[in-house]
N, C-alpha and C. Protein backbone atom coordinates (compact mmCIF):
# COMPACT_ATOMS: atom_id res chain seq x y z
N MET A 1 57.73 -23.60 -75.71
CA MET A 1 56.96 -22.64 -76.48
C MET A 1 56.67 -21.58 -75.26
N LYS A 2 56.91 -20.33 -75.52
CA LYS A 2 56.81 -19.66 -74.31
C LYS A 2 55.24 -19.22 -74.15
N GLU A 3 55.10 -18.58 -72.90
CA GLU A 3 53.61 -18.05 -72.69
C GLU A 3 53.36 -16.86 -73.59
N ARG A 4 52.30 -16.85 -73.56
CA ARG A 4 51.45 -15.46 -74.67
C ARG A 4 50.50 -15.04 -73.71
N VAL A 5 50.31 -13.80 -73.91
CA VAL A 5 49.00 -13.07 -73.00
C VAL A 5 48.35 -12.18 -74.23
N ILE A 6 46.78 -12.35 -74.78
CA ILE A 6 46.18 -11.59 -75.59
C ILE A 6 45.03 -10.91 -74.62
N LEU A 7 45.10 -9.61 -74.54
CA LEU A 7 43.89 -8.59 -74.35
C LEU A 7 42.92 -8.70 -75.16
N GLY A 8 41.86 -9.00 -74.72
CA GLY A 8 40.57 -8.80 -75.79
C GLY A 8 39.97 -7.65 -75.45
N ILE A 9 39.54 -6.57 -76.19
CA ILE A 9 38.54 -5.58 -75.73
C ILE A 9 37.06 -5.47 -76.57
N ASP A 10 36.08 -5.33 -76.06
CA ASP A 10 34.81 -4.88 -76.62
C ASP A 10 34.53 -3.48 -76.12
N PRO A 11 34.82 -2.46 -77.25
CA PRO A 11 34.85 -1.12 -77.04
C PRO A 11 33.52 -0.81 -76.53
N GLY A 12 33.35 0.17 -75.58
CA GLY A 12 32.11 0.78 -75.52
C GLY A 12 32.01 2.35 -74.81
N THR A 13 31.18 3.11 -74.92
CA THR A 13 31.20 4.33 -74.23
C THR A 13 30.26 4.21 -72.93
N ILE A 14 29.31 3.19 -72.86
CA ILE A 14 28.54 2.82 -71.64
C ILE A 14 29.09 1.86 -70.80
N VAL A 15 29.50 1.05 -71.64
CA VAL A 15 30.40 -0.65 -71.06
C VAL A 15 31.30 -1.09 -71.69
N MET A 16 32.39 -1.33 -71.16
CA MET A 16 33.65 -1.75 -72.19
C MET A 16 33.84 -3.09 -71.18
N GLY A 17 33.81 -4.19 -72.25
CA GLY A 17 34.12 -5.11 -71.86
C GLY A 17 35.54 -5.84 -72.16
N TYR A 18 36.17 -6.41 -71.22
CA TYR A 18 37.57 -7.15 -71.65
C TYR A 18 37.78 -8.59 -71.16
N GLY A 19 38.83 -9.09 -71.67
CA GLY A 19 38.99 -10.59 -71.17
C GLY A 19 40.28 -10.61 -71.45
N VAL A 20 41.44 -11.35 -70.56
CA VAL A 20 42.70 -11.77 -70.61
C VAL A 20 42.77 -13.28 -71.11
N LEU A 21 43.58 -13.78 -72.00
CA LEU A 21 43.57 -15.24 -72.14
C LEU A 21 44.77 -15.28 -72.30
N LEU A 22 45.41 -16.64 -71.69
CA LEU A 22 46.60 -16.70 -71.37
C LEU A 22 47.09 -18.08 -71.76
N VAL A 23 47.96 -17.99 -72.78
CA VAL A 23 48.11 -19.34 -73.72
C VAL A 23 49.25 -19.74 -72.99
N LYS A 24 49.28 -21.55 -72.57
CA LYS A 24 50.50 -22.02 -71.89
C LYS A 24 50.58 -23.40 -72.97
N GLU A 25 51.73 -23.36 -73.40
CA GLU A 25 51.72 -24.98 -74.12
C GLU A 25 50.84 -24.91 -75.28
N ASN A 26 50.52 -23.86 -75.75
CA ASN A 26 49.50 -23.85 -76.64
C ASN A 26 48.00 -24.16 -76.44
N LYS A 27 47.82 -23.94 -75.12
CA LYS A 27 46.52 -24.13 -74.80
C LYS A 27 45.96 -22.84 -73.80
N PRO A 28 44.86 -22.35 -74.54
CA PRO A 28 44.66 -21.24 -74.00
C PRO A 28 43.41 -21.34 -72.50
N GLU A 29 43.59 -20.49 -71.86
CA GLU A 29 42.68 -20.23 -70.42
C GLU A 29 42.67 -18.78 -70.27
N MET A 30 41.17 -18.89 -69.58
CA MET A 30 40.95 -17.28 -69.36
C MET A 30 41.60 -17.02 -67.87
N GLU A 31 42.25 -15.86 -67.74
CA GLU A 31 43.03 -15.04 -67.01
C GLU A 31 42.20 -14.14 -66.34
N ALA A 32 41.45 -13.56 -66.95
CA ALA A 32 40.84 -12.36 -66.48
C ALA A 32 39.22 -12.15 -67.34
N LEU A 33 38.37 -11.51 -66.67
CA LEU A 33 36.88 -11.34 -67.30
C LEU A 33 36.65 -9.90 -66.73
N GLY A 34 36.06 -8.88 -67.35
CA GLY A 34 35.51 -8.09 -66.54
C GLY A 34 34.81 -6.79 -67.64
N VAL A 35 34.40 -5.84 -66.96
CA VAL A 35 33.62 -4.74 -67.46
C VAL A 35 34.26 -3.50 -66.91
N LEU A 36 34.08 -2.37 -67.68
CA LEU A 36 34.37 -1.05 -66.85
C LEU A 36 32.75 -0.62 -67.47
N LYS A 37 32.15 -0.05 -66.46
CA LYS A 37 30.92 0.55 -66.54
C LYS A 37 31.38 2.51 -66.24
N LEU A 38 30.54 3.10 -67.12
CA LEU A 38 30.86 4.62 -67.59
C LEU A 38 29.45 5.08 -67.78
N ASP A 39 28.41 4.36 -67.38
CA ASP A 39 27.20 5.22 -67.58
C ASP A 39 26.86 6.35 -66.28
N LYS A 40 27.50 6.17 -65.50
CA LYS A 40 27.45 7.42 -64.40
C LYS A 40 28.42 8.37 -64.55
N LEU A 41 29.03 8.69 -65.58
CA LEU A 41 29.67 9.66 -66.10
C LEU A 41 29.07 10.35 -67.25
N ASP A 42 28.66 11.66 -66.84
CA ASP A 42 27.85 12.58 -67.67
C ASP A 42 28.61 13.07 -69.22
N SER A 43 30.01 12.82 -68.97
CA SER A 43 30.64 13.65 -69.73
C SER A 43 31.36 12.68 -70.90
N HIS A 44 31.32 12.77 -72.32
CA HIS A 44 31.77 11.77 -73.05
C HIS A 44 33.32 11.77 -73.26
N TYR A 45 34.29 12.90 -72.83
CA TYR A 45 35.15 12.83 -72.89
C TYR A 45 36.25 12.33 -71.67
N LEU A 46 35.33 12.39 -70.70
CA LEU A 46 35.94 11.83 -69.36
C LEU A 46 35.65 10.52 -69.39
N ARG A 47 34.75 9.63 -69.95
CA ARG A 47 34.24 8.19 -70.30
C ARG A 47 35.79 7.74 -71.32
N LEU A 48 36.01 8.57 -72.22
CA LEU A 48 37.32 8.19 -73.00
C LEU A 48 38.34 8.08 -72.35
N GLN A 49 38.74 8.99 -71.02
CA GLN A 49 39.70 9.24 -70.16
C GLN A 49 40.06 8.15 -69.50
N LYS A 50 38.65 7.42 -69.07
CA LYS A 50 38.60 6.36 -68.12
C LYS A 50 38.61 5.04 -68.83
N ILE A 51 38.26 4.99 -70.29
CA ILE A 51 38.77 4.06 -71.03
C ILE A 51 40.41 3.76 -71.34
N PHE A 52 40.82 4.96 -71.54
CA PHE A 52 42.29 4.91 -71.71
C PHE A 52 42.98 4.24 -70.21
N GLU A 53 42.48 5.01 -69.35
CA GLU A 53 43.46 4.44 -67.87
C GLU A 53 43.07 3.02 -67.71
N ARG A 54 41.89 2.74 -67.80
CA ARG A 54 41.65 1.09 -67.55
C ARG A 54 42.02 0.44 -68.31
N VAL A 55 42.73 0.87 -69.68
CA VAL A 55 43.18 -0.32 -70.53
C VAL A 55 44.84 -0.13 -70.39
N THR A 56 45.33 1.14 -69.81
CA THR A 56 46.30 1.20 -69.39
C THR A 56 46.68 0.27 -68.24
N SER A 57 46.02 0.36 -67.40
CA SER A 57 46.11 -0.45 -66.16
C SER A 57 46.10 -2.19 -66.38
N LEU A 58 45.10 -2.41 -67.46
CA LEU A 58 45.12 -3.87 -67.29
C LEU A 58 46.58 -4.09 -68.16
N ILE A 59 47.16 -3.57 -69.38
CA ILE A 59 48.31 -3.91 -69.67
C ILE A 59 49.20 -3.75 -68.47
N ASP A 60 49.31 -2.93 -67.66
CA ASP A 60 50.26 -2.78 -66.98
C ASP A 60 50.25 -4.22 -65.71
N GLN A 61 48.99 -4.49 -65.63
CA GLN A 61 48.49 -5.81 -64.67
C GLN A 61 49.15 -6.75 -65.25
N TYR A 62 48.68 -7.27 -66.44
CA TYR A 62 48.71 -8.47 -67.35
C TYR A 62 49.76 -8.62 -68.37
N HIS A 63 50.34 -7.62 -68.72
CA HIS A 63 51.71 -7.47 -69.59
C HIS A 63 51.26 -8.37 -70.90
N PRO A 64 49.96 -7.76 -71.48
CA PRO A 64 49.75 -8.71 -73.13
C PRO A 64 50.84 -8.44 -73.93
N ASP A 65 51.08 -9.73 -74.76
CA ASP A 65 51.90 -9.58 -76.25
C ASP A 65 50.86 -8.69 -77.11
N GLU A 66 49.95 -9.04 -77.17
CA GLU A 66 48.96 -8.33 -78.32
C GLU A 66 47.66 -8.01 -77.83
N LEU A 67 46.90 -7.39 -78.50
CA LEU A 67 45.42 -6.84 -78.11
C LEU A 67 44.79 -6.98 -79.32
N ALA A 68 43.47 -7.42 -79.10
CA ALA A 68 42.63 -7.94 -79.96
C ALA A 68 41.42 -7.25 -79.26
N ILE A 69 40.77 -6.23 -80.57
CA ILE A 69 39.65 -5.85 -80.29
C ILE A 69 38.80 -5.69 -81.44
N GLU A 70 37.49 -5.68 -80.81
CA GLU A 70 36.35 -5.65 -81.81
C GLU A 70 36.18 -4.58 -82.77
N ALA A 71 36.14 -4.51 -83.84
CA ALA A 71 35.95 -3.70 -84.53
C ALA A 71 34.52 -2.90 -84.76
N PRO A 72 34.10 -1.58 -84.63
CA PRO A 72 32.58 -1.20 -84.50
C PRO A 72 31.94 -1.61 -85.71
N PHE A 73 30.93 -1.97 -85.64
CA PHE A 73 29.96 -2.15 -86.48
C PHE A 73 29.00 -1.16 -87.18
N PHE A 74 28.91 -1.44 -88.62
CA PHE A 74 27.79 -0.42 -88.98
C PHE A 74 26.45 -0.09 -88.46
N GLY A 75 26.33 0.82 -88.15
CA GLY A 75 24.62 0.89 -87.51
C GLY A 75 24.22 2.17 -88.43
N LYS A 76 22.81 2.13 -88.32
CA LYS A 76 22.24 3.67 -88.63
C LYS A 76 22.26 4.73 -87.94
N ASN A 77 22.61 4.78 -86.51
CA ASN A 77 23.14 6.05 -85.80
C ASN A 77 24.29 6.22 -86.05
N VAL A 78 24.36 7.40 -86.59
CA VAL A 78 26.20 8.06 -86.99
C VAL A 78 26.55 8.43 -85.64
N GLN A 79 25.88 9.02 -84.72
CA GLN A 79 26.57 9.72 -83.71
C GLN A 79 26.92 8.43 -82.59
N SER A 80 26.21 7.53 -82.70
CA SER A 80 26.65 5.99 -81.72
C SER A 80 27.85 5.52 -82.27
N MET A 81 28.23 5.55 -83.74
CA MET A 81 29.20 5.02 -84.45
C MET A 81 30.30 5.80 -84.34
N LEU A 82 30.25 7.07 -84.07
CA LEU A 82 31.47 7.97 -83.77
C LEU A 82 31.70 7.80 -82.25
N LYS A 83 31.03 7.78 -81.63
CA LYS A 83 31.35 7.51 -79.90
C LYS A 83 31.74 6.16 -79.90
N LEU A 84 31.08 5.24 -80.56
CA LEU A 84 32.02 3.71 -80.25
C LEU A 84 33.47 3.87 -81.13
N GLY A 85 33.74 4.41 -81.97
CA GLY A 85 34.91 4.49 -82.59
C GLY A 85 36.01 5.37 -81.84
N ARG A 86 35.37 6.56 -81.32
CA ARG A 86 36.19 7.10 -80.06
C ARG A 86 36.68 6.23 -79.18
N ALA A 87 35.91 5.20 -78.76
CA ALA A 87 36.29 4.14 -77.52
C ALA A 87 37.14 3.41 -78.05
N GLN A 88 37.02 3.12 -79.14
CA GLN A 88 37.99 1.92 -79.64
C GLN A 88 39.10 2.59 -79.76
N GLY A 89 39.33 3.66 -80.50
CA GLY A 89 40.56 4.44 -80.77
C GLY A 89 41.62 5.11 -79.42
N VAL A 90 40.81 5.13 -78.43
CA VAL A 90 41.64 5.29 -76.98
C VAL A 90 41.87 4.14 -76.43
N ALA A 91 41.30 2.99 -76.57
CA ALA A 91 41.71 1.57 -76.09
C ALA A 91 43.04 1.23 -76.81
N MET A 92 42.75 1.52 -78.27
CA MET A 92 43.89 1.41 -79.25
C MET A 92 45.10 2.22 -79.00
N SER A 93 44.98 3.34 -78.51
CA SER A 93 45.94 4.46 -78.14
C SER A 93 47.02 3.66 -76.84
N ALA A 94 46.02 3.42 -75.89
CA ALA A 94 46.77 2.74 -74.56
C ALA A 94 47.36 1.67 -75.10
N ALA A 95 47.30 0.82 -75.90
CA ALA A 95 48.19 -0.38 -76.58
C ALA A 95 49.44 0.34 -77.37
N LEU A 96 48.97 1.00 -78.11
CA LEU A 96 49.98 1.81 -78.84
C LEU A 96 51.17 2.48 -77.77
N ASN A 97 50.59 2.91 -77.19
CA ASN A 97 51.57 3.77 -76.03
C ASN A 97 52.26 2.50 -75.28
N ARG A 98 52.18 1.55 -75.45
CA ARG A 98 52.94 0.67 -74.48
C ARG A 98 53.80 -0.73 -75.45
N ASP A 99 53.34 0.05 -76.91
CA ASP A 99 53.97 -0.84 -77.73
C ASP A 99 53.62 -2.33 -78.02
N ILE A 100 52.23 -2.34 -77.89
CA ILE A 100 51.67 -3.66 -77.89
C ILE A 100 51.08 -3.94 -79.60
N PRO A 101 51.13 -4.87 -80.37
CA PRO A 101 50.40 -4.88 -81.45
C PRO A 101 49.08 -4.85 -81.26
N ILE A 102 48.28 -4.65 -81.99
CA ILE A 102 46.70 -4.53 -82.06
C ILE A 102 46.31 -5.60 -83.22
N PHE A 103 45.36 -6.16 -83.19
CA PHE A 103 44.68 -6.81 -84.15
C PHE A 103 42.77 -6.78 -84.08
N GLU A 104 42.32 -6.51 -85.07
CA GLU A 104 40.94 -5.79 -85.10
C GLU A 104 40.20 -6.66 -85.64
N TYR A 105 39.15 -7.09 -85.35
CA TYR A 105 38.38 -8.29 -85.88
C TYR A 105 36.82 -7.85 -85.65
N ALA A 106 36.05 -8.17 -87.07
CA ALA A 106 34.73 -7.57 -87.07
C ALA A 106 34.06 -8.47 -85.91
N PRO A 107 32.84 -8.16 -85.66
CA PRO A 107 32.09 -9.10 -84.70
C PRO A 107 31.76 -10.43 -85.60
N LEU A 108 31.19 -10.17 -86.50
CA LEU A 108 30.89 -11.37 -87.31
C LEU A 108 32.03 -12.46 -87.38
N LYS A 109 33.07 -11.83 -87.65
CA LYS A 109 34.24 -12.87 -87.63
C LYS A 109 34.34 -13.60 -86.23
N ILE A 110 34.32 -12.66 -85.27
CA ILE A 110 34.35 -13.21 -83.71
C ILE A 110 33.53 -14.31 -83.38
N LYS A 111 32.48 -14.08 -83.56
CA LYS A 111 31.30 -15.05 -83.72
C LYS A 111 31.21 -16.13 -84.34
N MET A 112 31.84 -16.06 -85.71
CA MET A 112 32.07 -17.42 -86.63
C MET A 112 33.01 -18.20 -85.88
N ALA A 113 34.11 -17.35 -85.41
CA ALA A 113 35.51 -18.02 -84.95
C ALA A 113 34.99 -18.93 -83.53
N ILE A 114 34.14 -18.27 -82.71
CA ILE A 114 33.70 -18.99 -81.54
C ILE A 114 32.66 -19.75 -81.46
N THR A 115 31.39 -19.72 -82.35
CA THR A 115 30.41 -20.56 -82.47
C THR A 115 30.34 -21.33 -83.74
N GLY A 116 31.26 -20.63 -84.81
CA GLY A 116 30.64 -21.41 -86.05
C GLY A 116 29.45 -20.77 -86.75
N ASN A 117 29.23 -19.68 -86.14
CA ASN A 117 27.78 -18.93 -86.57
C ASN A 117 28.05 -17.37 -86.54
N GLY A 118 27.96 -16.85 -87.37
CA GLY A 118 28.40 -15.15 -87.63
C GLY A 118 26.93 -14.63 -87.01
N ASN A 119 25.84 -15.25 -87.01
CA ASN A 119 24.69 -14.47 -86.53
C ASN A 119 24.57 -14.85 -85.10
N ALA A 120 25.39 -15.63 -84.35
CA ALA A 120 25.23 -16.02 -83.10
C ALA A 120 25.07 -14.98 -82.05
N SER A 121 24.01 -15.14 -80.78
CA SER A 121 23.56 -13.99 -79.88
C SER A 121 24.83 -13.99 -78.69
N LYS A 122 25.03 -13.23 -78.39
CA LYS A 122 25.86 -12.75 -77.15
C LYS A 122 25.71 -13.65 -75.93
N GLU A 123 24.80 -14.55 -75.97
CA GLU A 123 24.40 -15.46 -74.90
C GLU A 123 24.89 -16.92 -75.57
N GLN A 124 24.94 -17.04 -76.88
CA GLN A 124 25.60 -18.50 -77.51
C GLN A 124 27.24 -18.19 -77.51
N VAL A 125 27.42 -16.89 -77.63
CA VAL A 125 29.08 -16.47 -77.48
C VAL A 125 29.59 -16.79 -76.32
N ALA A 126 29.10 -16.46 -75.39
CA ALA A 126 29.35 -16.78 -73.74
C ALA A 126 29.47 -18.24 -73.15
N GLY A 127 28.25 -19.00 -73.92
CA GLY A 127 27.86 -20.21 -73.49
C GLY A 127 29.19 -21.13 -74.46
N MET A 128 29.78 -20.88 -75.40
CA MET A 128 30.66 -21.51 -76.14
C MET A 128 31.93 -20.91 -75.46
N LEU A 129 32.23 -20.05 -75.02
CA LEU A 129 33.57 -19.71 -74.33
C LEU A 129 33.43 -20.52 -73.07
N GLN A 130 32.59 -20.41 -72.46
CA GLN A 130 32.52 -21.43 -71.20
C GLN A 130 32.96 -22.59 -71.27
N ARG A 131 32.07 -23.38 -72.49
CA ARG A 131 32.73 -24.83 -72.90
C ARG A 131 34.17 -24.88 -73.34
N ILE A 132 34.59 -23.98 -74.18
CA ILE A 132 36.01 -23.97 -74.70
C ILE A 132 36.75 -23.64 -73.88
N LEU A 133 36.90 -23.03 -72.91
CA LEU A 133 37.82 -22.55 -72.00
C LEU A 133 37.32 -23.04 -70.57
N HIS A 134 36.77 -24.00 -70.22
CA HIS A 134 36.22 -24.59 -69.22
C HIS A 134 36.22 -23.49 -67.98
N ILE A 135 35.44 -22.37 -68.09
CA ILE A 135 35.08 -21.28 -66.96
C ILE A 135 33.85 -21.68 -66.32
N PRO A 136 34.26 -21.78 -64.96
CA PRO A 136 33.16 -22.11 -64.04
C PRO A 136 32.31 -20.94 -63.90
N GLU A 137 30.71 -21.46 -63.84
CA GLU A 137 29.79 -20.64 -64.02
C GLU A 137 30.20 -19.20 -62.71
N SER A 138 30.92 -19.50 -61.64
CA SER A 138 30.96 -18.60 -60.51
C SER A 138 31.68 -17.32 -61.18
N SER A 139 32.36 -17.74 -62.29
CA SER A 139 33.44 -16.76 -62.91
C SER A 139 32.74 -15.80 -64.10
N MET A 140 31.59 -16.52 -64.41
CA MET A 140 31.00 -15.70 -65.55
C MET A 140 30.33 -14.43 -65.08
N LEU A 141 30.16 -13.40 -65.65
CA LEU A 141 29.40 -12.04 -65.45
C LEU A 141 28.34 -12.04 -66.03
N PRO A 142 27.34 -11.15 -65.46
CA PRO A 142 26.27 -11.23 -66.13
C PRO A 142 26.25 -10.24 -67.38
N GLN A 143 27.04 -9.26 -67.46
CA GLN A 143 27.39 -8.39 -68.57
C GLN A 143 28.11 -8.82 -69.82
N LEU A 144 27.48 -9.17 -70.91
CA LEU A 144 28.01 -9.96 -71.81
C LEU A 144 28.99 -9.27 -72.68
N ASP A 145 29.23 -8.12 -72.29
CA ASP A 145 30.50 -7.18 -73.07
C ASP A 145 31.92 -7.77 -72.53
N ALA A 146 31.86 -8.28 -71.36
CA ALA A 146 33.09 -8.98 -70.75
C ALA A 146 33.26 -10.21 -71.65
N THR A 147 32.35 -11.12 -71.95
CA THR A 147 32.61 -12.30 -72.73
C THR A 147 32.80 -11.87 -74.06
N ASP A 148 32.55 -10.89 -74.65
CA ASP A 148 32.85 -10.13 -75.95
C ASP A 148 34.04 -9.86 -75.92
N GLY A 149 34.55 -9.41 -75.14
CA GLY A 149 35.96 -8.93 -75.11
C GLY A 149 37.09 -10.26 -75.20
N LEU A 150 36.74 -11.03 -74.41
CA LEU A 150 37.32 -12.57 -74.02
C LEU A 150 37.07 -13.20 -75.45
N ALA A 151 35.74 -13.00 -75.93
CA ALA A 151 35.93 -13.64 -77.65
C ALA A 151 36.93 -13.34 -78.48
N ALA A 152 36.91 -11.86 -78.33
CA ALA A 152 37.77 -11.22 -79.20
C ALA A 152 39.34 -11.82 -79.15
N ALA A 153 39.76 -11.97 -77.98
CA ALA A 153 41.38 -12.66 -77.42
C ALA A 153 41.04 -13.97 -78.07
N LEU A 154 40.19 -15.02 -77.74
CA LEU A 154 40.21 -16.02 -78.40
C LEU A 154 39.95 -16.51 -79.84
N CYS A 155 39.35 -15.45 -80.30
CA CYS A 155 39.38 -15.49 -81.93
C CYS A 155 41.01 -14.88 -82.38
N HIS A 156 41.31 -14.16 -82.00
CA HIS A 156 43.03 -13.95 -82.51
C HIS A 156 43.75 -15.00 -82.19
N TYR A 157 43.60 -15.65 -80.93
CA TYR A 157 44.20 -16.56 -80.80
C TYR A 157 44.19 -17.88 -81.88
N LEU A 158 42.76 -18.25 -82.27
CA LEU A 158 42.52 -19.24 -83.04
C LEU A 158 42.83 -18.64 -84.50
N GLN A 159 42.69 -17.47 -84.98
CA GLN A 159 43.38 -16.96 -86.07
C GLN A 159 44.99 -16.72 -86.27
N SER A 160 45.35 -16.65 -85.50
CA SER A 160 47.27 -16.85 -85.17
C SER A 160 47.64 -17.88 -85.05
N ASN A 161 46.94 -19.07 -84.81
CA ASN A 161 47.35 -20.29 -84.37
C ASN A 161 46.79 -21.13 -85.61
N ASN A 162 46.26 -20.46 -86.76
CA ASN A 162 45.86 -21.42 -87.78
C ASN A 162 47.06 -21.90 -88.38
N PRO A 163 47.61 -23.07 -88.79
CA PRO A 163 48.72 -23.38 -89.55
C PRO A 163 48.48 -22.93 -90.98
N LEU A 164 47.37 -22.94 -91.56
CA LEU A 164 47.00 -22.60 -92.82
C LEU A 164 47.19 -21.12 -93.18
N ALA A 165 46.59 -20.26 -91.99
CA ALA A 165 46.87 -18.87 -92.12
C ALA A 165 47.91 -18.59 -92.02
N GLU A 166 49.26 -18.86 -91.29
CA GLU A 166 50.53 -18.59 -91.02
C GLU A 166 51.32 -18.49 -92.16
N LYS A 167 50.96 -19.50 -93.44
CA LYS A 167 51.89 -19.66 -94.63
C LYS A 167 51.17 -18.97 -95.78
N LYS A 168 51.78 -17.82 -96.38
CA LYS A 168 51.26 -17.50 -97.44
C LYS A 168 51.86 -17.97 -98.65
N TYR A 169 51.17 -18.31 -99.54
CA TYR A 169 51.60 -18.98 -101.00
C TYR A 169 51.61 -18.09 -102.02
N THR A 170 52.08 -17.86 -103.06
CA THR A 170 51.96 -17.24 -104.36
C THR A 170 51.62 -17.83 -105.47
N GLY A 171 51.62 -19.55 -105.04
CA GLY A 171 50.94 -20.33 -106.01
C GLY A 171 51.90 -21.75 -105.75
N TRP A 172 51.52 -22.70 -106.96
CA TRP A 172 51.78 -24.27 -106.69
C TRP A 172 53.35 -24.12 -106.31
N LYS A 173 54.24 -23.35 -106.91
CA LYS A 173 55.52 -23.76 -107.19
C LYS A 173 55.92 -22.99 -105.95
N ASP A 174 55.41 -21.94 -105.25
CA ASP A 174 55.79 -21.54 -103.82
C ASP A 174 55.32 -22.63 -102.83
N TYR A 175 54.40 -23.37 -102.89
CA TYR A 175 53.80 -24.42 -102.06
C TYR A 175 54.78 -25.29 -101.99
N LEU A 176 55.32 -26.05 -103.06
CA LEU A 176 55.93 -27.07 -103.15
C LEU A 176 57.43 -26.52 -102.95
N ALA A 177 57.77 -25.79 -102.91
CA ALA A 177 59.22 -25.18 -102.28
C ALA A 177 59.35 -25.13 -100.97
N LYS A 178 57.99 -24.70 -100.19
CA LYS A 178 58.02 -24.46 -98.74
C LYS A 178 57.50 -25.55 -98.08
N ASN A 179 57.11 -26.84 -99.07
CA ASN A 179 56.42 -28.07 -98.02
C ASN A 179 57.18 -29.15 -98.97
N PRO A 180 58.54 -29.10 -99.15
CA PRO A 180 59.09 -30.45 -99.60
C PRO A 180 58.81 -31.99 -99.19
N LYS A 181 58.59 -32.08 -97.94
CA LYS A 181 58.21 -33.46 -97.21
C LYS A 181 56.88 -33.67 -97.72
N LYS A 182 55.69 -32.89 -97.98
CA LYS A 182 54.55 -33.13 -98.05
C LYS A 182 54.24 -33.58 -99.71
N VAL A 183 55.23 -33.47 -100.74
CA VAL A 183 55.60 -33.88 -102.16
C VAL A 183 56.11 -35.08 -102.37
N ARG A 184 55.29 -36.01 -102.97
CA ARG A 184 56.14 -37.32 -103.20
C ARG A 184 56.97 -37.66 -104.65
């Protein structure tokens, strides 16, 4: 089985987190973890430009096969949602510009995939990633946006590697036809 690289993004207009997951022989390992800090830029449009440039540079550096991105959650502040959606769209545009398939996951789904609890805290997600991927403490960052990006990548790996998720059945006859050795 060939190697596979998954770029995970936690979009944001103040801090964008990212993680790169390398899958060798069906075993995931962290390749990179980081954040793009945008708080010093006053212009929202300049922030969007920096997001596009950084995602493009990550793509050029790591050559991911897929992009996994956290979907914006629905909040009460419409302006914040709009800005977050724009950040996500710009990151997606960078991937589309390089013909990289995009997979979007809700925060609840990511947390559930990593910790088994859709209400897990960012700290719990980071702790589980550290254990699952054997990340040394020295490689962990204080910004949890980075581990959120890595969590999106690992969530995608887990979802796309699930043998039950790969096969779609239209009914029992279809199942029997596709699994003749499992039937006695």
